[in-house]
Amino acid sequence: MSDLLFLMVRLTEILLGVNLVIQALEYLSLIDETGDQGVWSYSRQKNDLTPAPKWIIDLFGVLSQPKIYRIHLLIRLGLSIYLIVFGGSLPLIAFLTFSTLQTLIRWRGAFNGGSDFMTIVVLTGCLIGASGAVFGETELFWRAGLMYIAIHAASSYVISGGVKFLAPEWRSGRALSIFLDQSLHGPLAPNSPFRSAKIAFICAWAFILWEVSIALALLDPKLMILFCLAGFIFHFLVYWYFGLNRFFFTWISTFPALYFLSTQLL
């Protein structure tokens, strides 16, 4: 495995591991809500699995028992820390992938929307890469795994920028104040600079152009570094204003794959 590929793989594993540790801690903090008396108890959710075979319903019934669910999350937490420190293997990544899928189904398909699905994308990319050890093609499979992650991440940025461009509220800049009025810190102050039509217009178009610029960034590693730095700031601000911590940690875990792809296209 080349030095660059090894570095990007380890960075992906570390950032993914941090993301999974945070998710496990969040699930553990909500353990009472998923218990027999909680609002997310399995007895209330099992009807969602009715179309599935009986053995799947029974399996989820066992896995959703409060004690087993807690043990599962503690194992998930421990393996996520192991991934950060020592790196992944096929059995470890396979378990974390199954654990994530099982947990999301437990939360009726998603706990935190797009960040959960991107977590699955990163895990799938790592699963592809780790599978290379079985076939004696570690480098080839890890290249494919990182590219899988990068293509999904790049697509998400292009689609997000495109949706904003098509929305009149974003093109005019009005959407910025609408969103910020709903932030964790409450409505914007009357004298906030973001209530200025000119500043809101500039910020909105900066977001749109930054998101679609991923297409150019993929052609030059230096541009990709700038794109990722801007992305780090953007996702942190979203976390700060809206509390979407999972989006921050999930999307930055795709940055090594995006950088790697940018080194391969020219």
C-alpha atoms as a PDB file:
ATOM      1  CA  MET A   1       0.000   0.000   0.000  1.00  0.00           C
ATOM      2  CA  SER A   2       1.423   3.397  -0.977  1.00  0.00           C
ATOM      3  CA  ASP A   3       2.232   5.926   1.734  1.00  0.00           C
ATOM      4  CA  LEU A   4      -0.509   8.324   0.591  1.00  0.00           C
ATOM      5  CA  LEU A   5      -3.139   5.602   0.464  1.00  0.00           C
ATOM      6  CA  PHE A   6      -2.128   4.276   3.892  1.00  0.00           C
ATOM      7  CA  LEU A   7      -2.313   7.782   5.385  1.00  0.00           C
ATOM      8  CA  MET A   8      -5.765   8.456   3.902  1.00  0.00           C
ATOM      9  CA  VAL A   9      -7.041   5.074   5.091  1.00  0.00           C
ATOM     10  CA  ARG A  10      -5.829   5.685   8.642  1.00  0.00           C
ATOM     11  CA  LEU A  11      -7.279   9.202   8.698  1.00  0.00           C
ATOM     12  CA  THR A  12     -10.601   7.823   7.497  1.00  0.00           C
ATOM     13  CA  GLU A  13     -10.549   5.124  10.177  1.00  0.00           C
ATOM     14  CA  ILE A  14      -9.677   7.631  12.912  1.00  0.00           C
ATOM     15  CA  LEU A  15     -12.349  10.160  11.910  1.00  0.00           C
ATOM     16  CA  LEU A  16     -14.923   7.406  11.419  1.00  0.00           C
ATOM     17  CA  GLY A  17     -14.019   5.992  14.823  1.00  0.00           C
ATOM     18  CA  VAL A  18     -14.480   9.377  16.504  1.00  0.00           C
ATOM     19  CA  ASN A  19     -17.856   9.705  14.796  1.00  0.00           C
ATOM     20  CA  LEU A  20     -18.945   6.253  15.967  1.00  0.00           C
ATOM     21  CA  VAL A  21     -17.747   6.900  19.539  1.00  0.00           C
ATOM     22  CA  ILE A  22     -19.889  10.026  19.712  1.00  0.00           C
ATOM     23  CA  GLN A  23     -22.873   8.177  18.288  1.00  0.00           C
ATOM     24  CA  ALA A  24     -22.485   5.320  20.789  1.00  0.00           C
ATOM     25  CA  LEU A  25     -22.312   7.787  23.681  1.00  0.00           C
ATOM     26  CA  GLU A  26     -25.456   9.519  22.402  1.00  0.00           C
ATOM     27  CA  TYR A  27     -27.326   6.216  22.183  1.00  0.00           C
ATOM     28  CA  LEU A  28     -26.166   5.270  25.679  1.00  0.00           C
ATOM     29  CA  SER A  29     -27.417   8.600  27.036  1.00  0.00           C
ATOM     30  CA  LEU A  30     -30.868   7.738  25.634  1.00  0.00           C
ATOM     31  CA  ILE A  31     -30.908   4.193  26.973  1.00  0.00           C
ATOM     32  CA  ASP A  32     -33.941   4.859  29.186  1.00  0.00           C
ATOM     33  CA  GLU A  33     -35.944   6.079  26.204  1.00  0.00           C
ATOM     34  CA  THR A  34     -35.417   2.744  24.426  1.00  0.00           C
ATOM     35  CA  GLY A  35     -36.268   0.640  27.475  1.00  0.00           C
ATOM     36  CA  ASP A  36     -39.520  -1.206  28.054  1.00  0.00           C
ATOM     37  CA  GLN A  37     -41.097   1.917  29.540  1.00  0.00           C
ATOM     38  CA  GLY A  38     -39.485   4.366  27.097  1.00  0.00           C
ATOM     39  CA  VAL A  39     -41.107   6.150  24.187  1.00  0.00           C
ATOM     40  CA  TRP A  40     -38.876   4.183  21.773  1.00  0.00           C
ATOM     41  CA  SER A  41     -39.432   0.752  23.325  1.00  0.00           C
ATOM     42  CA  TYR A  42     -39.283  -2.207  20.961  1.00  0.00           C
ATOM     43  CA  SER A  43     -42.838  -3.217  21.903  1.00  0.00           C
ATOM     44  CA  ARG A  44     -44.000   0.009  20.235  1.00  0.00           C
ATOM     45  CA  GLN A  45     -41.762  -0.368  17.203  1.00  0.00           C
ATOM     46  CA  LYS A  46     -41.904  -4.040  16.350  1.00  0.00           C
ATOM     47  CA  ASN A  47     -44.993  -3.569  14.211  1.00  0.00           C
ATOM     48  CA  ASP A  48     -42.773  -1.652  11.769  1.00  0.00           C
ATOM     49  CA  LEU A  49     -41.018  -4.959  11.023  1.00  0.00           C
ATOM     50  CA  THR A  50     -44.245  -6.871  10.359  1.00  0.00           C
ATOM     51  CA  PRO A  51     -43.477  -7.515   6.637  1.00  0.00           C
ATOM     52  CA  ALA A  52     -40.150  -9.121   7.609  1.00  0.00           C
ATOM     53  CA  PRO A  53     -39.785 -12.875   8.268  1.00  0.00           C
ATOM     54  CA  LYS A  54     -40.581 -13.966  11.808  1.00  0.00           C
ATOM     55  CA  TRP A  55     -36.952 -14.863  12.574  1.00  0.00           C
ATOM     56  CA  ILE A  56     -35.890 -11.268  11.863  1.00  0.00           C
ATOM     57  CA  ILE A  57     -38.626  -9.907  14.140  1.00  0.00           C
ATOM     58  CA  ASP A  58     -37.544 -12.363  16.850  1.00  0.00           C
ATOM     59  CA  LEU A  59     -33.865 -11.453  16.362  1.00  0.00           C
ATOM     60  CA  PHE A  60     -34.583  -7.750  16.759  1.00  0.00           C
ATOM     61  CA  GLY A  61     -36.689  -8.596  19.786  1.00  0.00           C
ATOM     62  CA  VAL A  62     -33.660 -10.218  21.428  1.00  0.00           C
ATOM     63  CA  LEU A  63     -31.225  -7.473  20.385  1.00  0.00           C
ATOM     64  CA  SER A  64     -33.612  -4.794  21.636  1.00  0.00           C
ATOM     65  CA  GLN A  65     -33.862  -6.177  25.151  1.00  0.00           C
ATOM     66  CA  PRO A  66     -32.569  -3.355  27.410  1.00  0.00           C
ATOM     67  CA  LYS A  67     -29.614  -5.288  28.888  1.00  0.00           C
ATOM     68  CA  ILE A  68     -28.528  -6.739  25.542  1.00  0.00           C
ATOM     69  CA  TYR A  69     -28.948  -3.367  23.837  1.00  0.00           C
ATOM     70  CA  ARG A  70     -26.726  -1.728  26.483  1.00  0.00           C
ATOM     71  CA  ILE A  71     -24.074  -4.449  26.091  1.00  0.00           C
ATOM     72  CA  HIS A  72     -24.244  -4.026  22.310  1.00  0.00           C
ATOM     73  CA  LEU A  73     -23.635  -0.276  22.613  1.00  0.00           C
ATOM     74  CA  LEU A  74     -20.728  -0.784  25.023  1.00  0.00           C
ATOM     75  CA  ILE A  75     -19.124  -3.275  22.621  1.00  0.00           C
ATOM     76  CA  ARG A  76     -19.716  -0.816  19.783  1.00  0.00           C
ATOM     77  CA  LEU A  77     -18.072   1.919  21.834  1.00  0.00           C
ATOM     78  CA  GLY A  78     -15.050  -0.251  22.630  1.00  0.00           C
ATOM     79  CA  LEU A  79     -14.558  -1.368  19.034  1.00  0.00           C
ATOM     80  CA  SER A  80     -14.869   2.212  17.792  1.00  0.00           C
ATOM     81  CA  ILE A  81     -12.047   3.228  20.136  1.00  0.00           C
ATOM     82  CA  TYR A  82     -10.044   0.222  18.920  1.00  0.00           C
ATOM     83  CA  LEU A  83     -10.588   1.411  15.329  1.00  0.00           C
ATOM     84  CA  ILE A  84      -9.156   4.811  16.218  1.00  0.00           C
ATOM     85  CA  VAL A  85      -6.075   3.434  17.938  1.00  0.00           C
ATOM     86  CA  PHE A  86      -5.200   0.309  15.957  1.00  0.00           C
ATOM     87  CA  GLY A  87      -7.099   0.503  12.677  1.00  0.00           C
ATOM     88  CA  GLY A  88      -9.711  -1.741  11.198  1.00  0.00           C
ATOM     89  CA  SER A  89     -10.034  -5.319  10.022  1.00  0.00           C
ATOM     90  CA  LEU A  90     -12.781  -7.034   8.070  1.00  0.00           C
ATOM     91  CA  PRO A  91     -14.504  -8.592  11.136  1.00  0.00           C
ATOM     92  CA  LEU A  92     -14.344  -5.309  13.067  1.00  0.00           C
ATOM     93  CA  ILE A  93     -15.699  -3.170  10.205  1.00  0.00           C
ATOM     94  CA  ALA A  94     -18.353  -5.797   9.438  1.00  0.00           C
ATOM     95  CA  PHE A  95     -19.548  -5.722  13.049  1.00  0.00           C
ATOM     96  CA  LEU A  96     -19.650  -1.915  13.153  1.00  0.00           C
ATOM     97  CA  THR A  97     -21.574  -1.863   9.868  1.00  0.00           C
ATOM     98  CA  PHE A  98     -24.125  -4.405  11.090  1.00  0.00           C
ATOM     99  CA  SER A  99     -24.335  -2.594  14.434  1.00  0.00           C
ATOM    100  CA  THR A 100     -25.047   0.703  12.706  1.00  0.00           C
ATOM    101  CA  LEU A 101     -27.716  -0.796  10.462  1.00  0.00           C
ATOM    102  CA  GLN A 102     -29.363  -2.595  13.355  1.00  0.00           C
ATOM    103  CA  THR A 103     -29.347   0.552  15.469  1.00  0.00           C
ATOM    104  CA  LEU A 104     -30.834   2.687  12.702  1.00  0.00           C
ATOM    105  CA  ILE A 105     -33.602   0.161  12.113  1.00  0.00           C
ATOM    106  CA  ARG A 106     -34.148   0.276  15.860  1.00  0.00           C
ATOM    107  CA  TRP A 107     -34.727   4.036  15.377  1.00  0.00           C
ATOM    108  CA  ARG A 108     -37.119   3.411  12.461  1.00  0.00           C
ATOM    109  CA  GLY A 109     -34.517   3.881   9.749  1.00  0.00           C
ATOM    110  CA  ALA A 110     -32.660   6.991  10.845  1.00  0.00           C
ATOM    111  CA  PHE A 111     -31.722   8.755  14.045  1.00  0.00           C
ATOM    112  CA  ASN A 112     -30.231  11.904  12.551  1.00  0.00           C
ATOM    113  CA  GLY A 113     -31.111  11.875   8.854  1.00  0.00           C
ATOM    114  CA  GLY A 114     -28.394  12.427   6.275  1.00  0.00           C
ATOM    115  CA  SER A 115     -25.518  12.059   8.713  1.00  0.00           C
ATOM    116  CA  ASP A 116     -26.640   8.500   9.477  1.00  0.00           C
ATOM    117  CA  PHE A 117     -26.760   7.593   5.800  1.00  0.00           C
ATOM    118  CA  MET A 118     -23.328   9.122   5.181  1.00  0.00           C
ATOM    119  CA  THR A 119     -22.005   7.122   8.139  1.00  0.00           C
ATOM    120  CA  ILE A 120     -23.249   4.012   6.335  1.00  0.00           C
ATOM    121  CA  VAL A 121     -21.471   5.201   3.175  1.00  0.00           C
ATOM    122  CA  VAL A 122     -18.151   5.590   5.030  1.00  0.00           C
ATOM    123  CA  LEU A 123     -18.570   2.225   6.724  1.00  0.00           C
ATOM    124  CA  THR A 124     -19.384   0.594   3.375  1.00  0.00           C
ATOM    125  CA  GLY A 125     -16.280   2.132   1.824  1.00  0.00           C
ATOM    126  CA  CYS A 126     -14.185   0.806   4.692  1.00  0.00           C
ATOM    127  CA  LEU A 127     -15.876  -2.588   4.340  1.00  0.00           C
ATOM    128  CA  ILE A 128     -14.888  -2.652   0.669  1.00  0.00           C
ATOM    129  CA  GLY A 129     -11.319  -1.748   1.568  1.00  0.00           C
ATOM    130  CA  ALA A 130     -11.026  -4.246   4.414  1.00  0.00           C
ATOM    131  CA  SER A 131     -12.354  -7.011   2.112  1.00  0.00           C
ATOM    132  CA  GLY A 132      -9.170  -6.745   0.071  1.00  0.00           C
ATOM    133  CA  ALA A 133      -7.288  -8.760   2.685  1.00  0.00           C
ATOM    134  CA  VAL A 134      -9.433 -11.779   1.786  1.00  0.00           C
ATOM    135  CA  PHE A 135      -8.470 -11.596  -1.887  1.00  0.00           C
ATOM    136  CA  GLY A 136      -4.874 -10.479  -1.433  1.00  0.00           C
ATOM    137  CA  GLU A 137      -5.634  -7.131  -3.113  1.00  0.00           C
ATOM    138  CA  THR A 138      -5.453  -4.731  -0.200  1.00  0.00           C
ATOM    139  CA  GLU A 139      -4.367  -1.661  -2.171  1.00  0.00           C
ATOM    140  CA  LEU A 140      -6.852  -2.168  -5.016  1.00  0.00           C
ATOM    141  CA  PHE A 141      -9.784  -2.640  -2.647  1.00  0.00           C
ATOM    142  CA  TRP A 142      -8.863   0.319  -0.467  1.00  0.00           C
ATOM    143  CA  ARG A 143      -8.594   2.506  -3.552  1.00  0.00           C
ATOM    144  CA  ALA A 144     -12.073   1.383  -4.520  1.00  0.00           C
ATOM    145  CA  GLY A 145     -13.383   1.911  -0.987  1.00  0.00           C
ATOM    146  CA  LEU A 146     -12.076   5.473  -0.714  1.00  0.00           C
ATOM    147  CA  MET A 147     -13.374   6.313  -4.166  1.00  0.00           C
ATOM    148  CA  TYR A 148     -16.782   4.942  -3.200  1.00  0.00           C
ATOM    149  CA  ILE A 149     -16.846   7.294  -0.203  1.00  0.00           C
ATOM    150  CA  ALA A 150     -15.571  10.253  -2.222  1.00  0.00           C
ATOM    151  CA  ILE A 151     -18.126   9.855  -5.027  1.00  0.00           C
ATOM    152  CA  HIS A 152     -21.013   9.768  -2.547  1.00  0.00           C
ATOM    153  CA  ALA A 153     -19.668  12.734  -0.584  1.00  0.00           C
ATOM    154  CA  ALA A 154     -19.006  14.813  -3.708  1.00  0.00           C
ATOM    155  CA  SER A 155     -22.485  14.015  -5.006  1.00  0.00           C
ATOM    156  CA  SER A 156     -24.035  15.161  -1.735  1.00  0.00           C
ATOM    157  CA  TYR A 157     -22.321  18.549  -2.029  1.00  0.00           C
ATOM    158  CA  VAL A 158     -23.290  19.033  -5.677  1.00  0.00           C
ATOM    159  CA  ILE A 159     -26.906  18.072  -4.999  1.00  0.00           C
ATOM    160  CA  SER A 160     -27.090  20.325  -1.935  1.00  0.00           C
ATOM    161  CA  GLY A 161     -25.668  23.270  -3.877  1.00  0.00           C
ATOM    162  CA  GLY A 162     -27.973  22.562  -6.809  1.00  0.00           C
ATOM    163  CA  VAL A 163     -31.065  22.466  -4.582  1.00  0.00           C
ATOM    164  CA  LYS A 164     -30.088  25.802  -3.054  1.00  0.00           C
ATOM    165  CA  PHE A 165     -29.534  27.292  -6.502  1.00  0.00           C
ATOM    166  CA  LEU A 166     -33.010  26.228  -7.631  1.00  0.00           C
ATOM    167  CA  ALA A 167     -34.655  27.704  -4.520  1.00  0.00           C
ATOM    168  CA  PRO A 168     -35.597  31.414  -4.890  1.00  0.00           C
ATOM    169  CA  GLU A 169     -35.127  31.905  -1.130  1.00  0.00           C
ATOM    170  CA  TRP A 170     -31.480  30.892  -1.394  1.00  0.00           C
ATOM    171  CA  ARG A 171     -30.771  32.818  -4.586  1.00  0.00           C
ATOM    172  CA  SER A 172     -32.092  35.979  -2.944  1.00  0.00           C
ATOM    173  CA  GLY A 173     -30.379  35.278   0.376  1.00  0.00           C
ATOM    174  CA  ARG A 174     -33.625  35.289   2.391  1.00  0.00           C
ATOM    175  CA  ALA A 175     -33.151  31.642   3.386  1.00  0.00           C
ATOM    176  CA  LEU A 176     -30.124  32.492   5.531  1.00  0.00           C
ATOM    177  CA  SER A 177     -32.042  34.650   8.004  1.00  0.00           C
ATOM    178  CA  ILE A 178     -34.965  32.184   7.972  1.00  0.00           C
ATOM    179  CA  PHE A 179     -32.659  29.334   9.030  1.00  0.00           C
ATOM    180  CA  LEU A 180     -30.678  31.378  11.558  1.00  0.00           C
ATOM    181  CA  ASP A 181     -33.889  32.557  13.219  1.00  0.00           C
ATOM    182  CA  GLN A 182     -34.473  28.880  14.063  1.00  0.00           C
ATOM    183  CA  SER A 183     -31.009  28.254  15.505  1.00  0.00           C
ATOM    184  CA  LEU A 184     -30.231  27.015  19.020  1.00  0.00           C
ATOM    185  CA  HIS A 185     -29.339  30.581  20.016  1.00  0.00           C
ATOM    186  CA  GLY A 186     -32.767  31.920  19.174  1.00  0.00           C
ATOM    187  CA  PRO A 187     -33.875  34.419  16.526  1.00  0.00           C
ATOM    188  CA  LEU A 188     -31.286  36.787  15.131  1.00  0.00           C
ATOM    189  CA  ALA A 189     -30.997  40.146  16.850  1.00  0.00           C
ATOM    190  CA  PRO A 190     -32.752  42.967  14.993  1.00  0.00           C
ATOM    191  CA  ASN A 191     -29.385  44.583  14.290  1.00  0.00           C
ATOM    192  CA  SER A 192     -27.636  41.340  13.266  1.00  0.00           C
ATOM    193  CA  PRO A 193     -25.518  41.779  10.124  1.00  0.00           C
ATOM    194  CA  PHE A 194     -27.151  38.634   8.724  1.00  0.00           C
ATOM    195  CA  ARG A 195     -30.423  40.557   8.484  1.00  0.00           C
ATOM    196  CA  SER A 196     -28.746  42.790   5.910  1.00  0.00           C
ATOM    197  CA  ALA A 197     -30.042  41.773   2.478  1.00  0.00           C
ATOM    198  CA  LYS A 198     -26.613  42.358   0.931  1.00  0.00           C
ATOM    199  CA  ILE A 199     -24.691  40.273   3.480  1.00  0.00           C
ATOM    200  CA  ALA A 200     -27.293  37.493   3.406  1.00  0.00           C
ATOM    201  CA  PHE A 201     -27.099  37.459  -0.403  1.00  0.00           C
ATOM    202  CA  ILE A 202     -23.293  37.183  -0.349  1.00  0.00           C
ATOM    203  CA  CYS A 203     -23.311  34.423   2.295  1.00  0.00           C
ATOM    204  CA  ALA A 204     -25.991  32.415   0.518  1.00  0.00           C
ATOM    205  CA  TRP A 205     -24.140  32.514  -2.797  1.00  0.00           C
ATOM    206  CA  ALA A 206     -20.865  31.704  -1.035  1.00  0.00           C
ATOM    207  CA  PHE A 207     -22.480  28.494   0.260  1.00  0.00           C
ATOM    208  CA  ILE A 208     -23.919  27.628  -3.152  1.00  0.00           C
ATOM    209  CA  LEU A 209     -20.672  28.238  -5.034  1.00  0.00           C
ATOM    210  CA  TRP A 210     -18.602  26.436  -2.409  1.00  0.00           C
ATOM    211  CA  GLU A 211     -20.771  23.314  -2.552  1.00  0.00           C
ATOM    212  CA  VAL A 212     -20.773  23.025  -6.350  1.00  0.00           C
ATOM    213  CA  SER A 213     -17.057  23.856  -6.505  1.00  0.00           C
ATOM    214  CA  ILE A 214     -16.356  20.288  -5.409  1.00  0.00           C
ATOM    215  CA  ALA A 215     -16.376  19.430  -9.126  1.00  0.00           C
ATOM    216  CA  LEU A 216     -13.311  21.625  -9.662  1.00  0.00           C
ATOM    217  CA  ALA A 217     -11.658  20.677  -6.373  1.00  0.00           C
ATOM    218  CA  LEU A 218     -11.620  17.021  -7.455  1.00  0.00           C
ATOM    219  CA  LEU A 219      -9.231  17.999 -10.260  1.00  0.00           C
ATOM    220  CA  ASP A 220      -6.535  19.494  -8.019  1.00  0.00           C
ATOM    221  CA  PRO A 221      -5.345  18.335  -4.575  1.00  0.00           C
ATOM    222  CA  LYS A 222      -4.509  21.922  -3.549  1.00  0.00           C
ATOM    223  CA  LEU A 223      -8.017  23.076  -4.377  1.00  0.00           C
ATOM    224  CA  MET A 224      -9.368  20.090  -2.477  1.00  0.00           C
ATOM    225  CA  ILE A 225      -7.423  21.119   0.633  1.00  0.00           C
ATOM    226  CA  LEU A 226      -9.028  24.568   0.409  1.00  0.00           C
ATOM    227  CA  PHE A 227     -12.440  23.006  -0.162  1.00  0.00           C
ATOM    228  CA  CYS A 228     -12.035  20.778   2.916  1.00  0.00           C
ATOM    229  CA  LEU A 229     -10.858  23.689   5.064  1.00  0.00           C
ATOM    230  CA  ALA A 230     -13.942  25.652   4.034  1.00  0.00           C
ATOM    231  CA  GLY A 231     -16.028  22.535   4.647  1.00  0.00           C
ATOM    232  CA  PHE A 232     -14.589  22.156   8.143  1.00  0.00           C
ATOM    233  CA  ILE A 233     -15.638  25.719   8.970  1.00  0.00           C
ATOM    234  CA  PHE A 234     -19.053  25.341   7.293  1.00  0.00           C
ATOM    235  CA  HIS A 235     -19.952  22.115   9.085  1.00  0.00           C
ATOM    236  CA  PHE A 236     -18.689  23.468  12.407  1.00  0.00           C
ATOM    237  CA  LEU A 237     -20.905  26.546  12.032  1.00  0.00           C
ATOM    238  CA  VAL A 238     -23.890  24.296  11.270  1.00  0.00           C
ATOM    239  CA  TYR A 239     -23.034  22.336  14.427  1.00  0.00           C
ATOM    240  CA  TRP A 240     -22.664  25.526  16.459  1.00  0.00           C
ATOM    241  CA  TYR A 241     -25.899  27.155  15.315  1.00  0.00           C
ATOM    242  CA  PHE A 242     -28.133  24.097  14.937  1.00  0.00           C
ATOM    243  CA  GLY A 243     -26.569  21.449  17.172  1.00  0.00           C
ATOM    244  CA  LEU A 244     -26.050  19.007  14.291  1.00  0.00           C
ATOM    245  CA  ASN A 245     -22.861  17.532  15.720  1.00  0.00           C
ATOM    246  CA  ARG A 246     -23.249  14.311  13.756  1.00  0.00           C
ATOM    247  CA  PHE A 247     -23.146  16.178  10.458  1.00  0.00           C
ATOM    248  CA  PHE A 248     -19.847  17.771  11.438  1.00  0.00           C
ATOM    249  CA  PHE A 249     -18.093  14.553  12.445  1.00  0.00           C
ATOM    250  CA  THR A 250     -19.653  12.468   9.664  1.00  0.00           C
ATOM    251  CA  TRP A 251     -18.790  14.728   6.769  1.00  0.00           C
ATOM    252  CA  ILE A 252     -15.230  15.466   7.852  1.00  0.00           C
ATOM    253  CA  SER A 253     -14.670  11.697   7.923  1.00  0.00           C
ATOM    254  CA  THR A 254     -15.156  11.807   4.119  1.00  0.00           C
ATOM    255  CA  PHE A 255     -12.446  14.435   3.579  1.00  0.00           C
ATOM    256  CA  PRO A 256      -9.488  12.001   3.341  1.00  0.00           C
ATOM    257  CA  ALA A 257     -11.338  10.067   0.627  1.00  0.00           C
ATOM    258  CA  LEU A 258     -12.137  13.290  -1.245  1.00  0.00           C
ATOM    259  CA  TYR A 259      -8.479  14.323  -1.093  1.00  0.00           C
ATOM    260  CA  PHE A 260      -7.341  10.900  -2.259  1.00  0.00           C
ATOM    261  CA  LEU A 261      -9.700  11.004  -5.249  1.00  0.00           C
ATOM    262  CA  SER A 262      -8.393  14.461  -6.176  1.00  0.00           C
ATOM    263  CA  THR A 263      -4.882  12.976  -6.468  1.00  0.00           C
ATOM    264  CA  GLN A 264      -6.060  10.251  -8.839  1.00  0.00           C
ATOM    265  CA  LEU A 265      -8.017  12.125 -11.514  1.00  0.00           C
ATOM    266  CA  LEU A 266      -5.128  13.942 -13.215  1.00  0.00           C
END
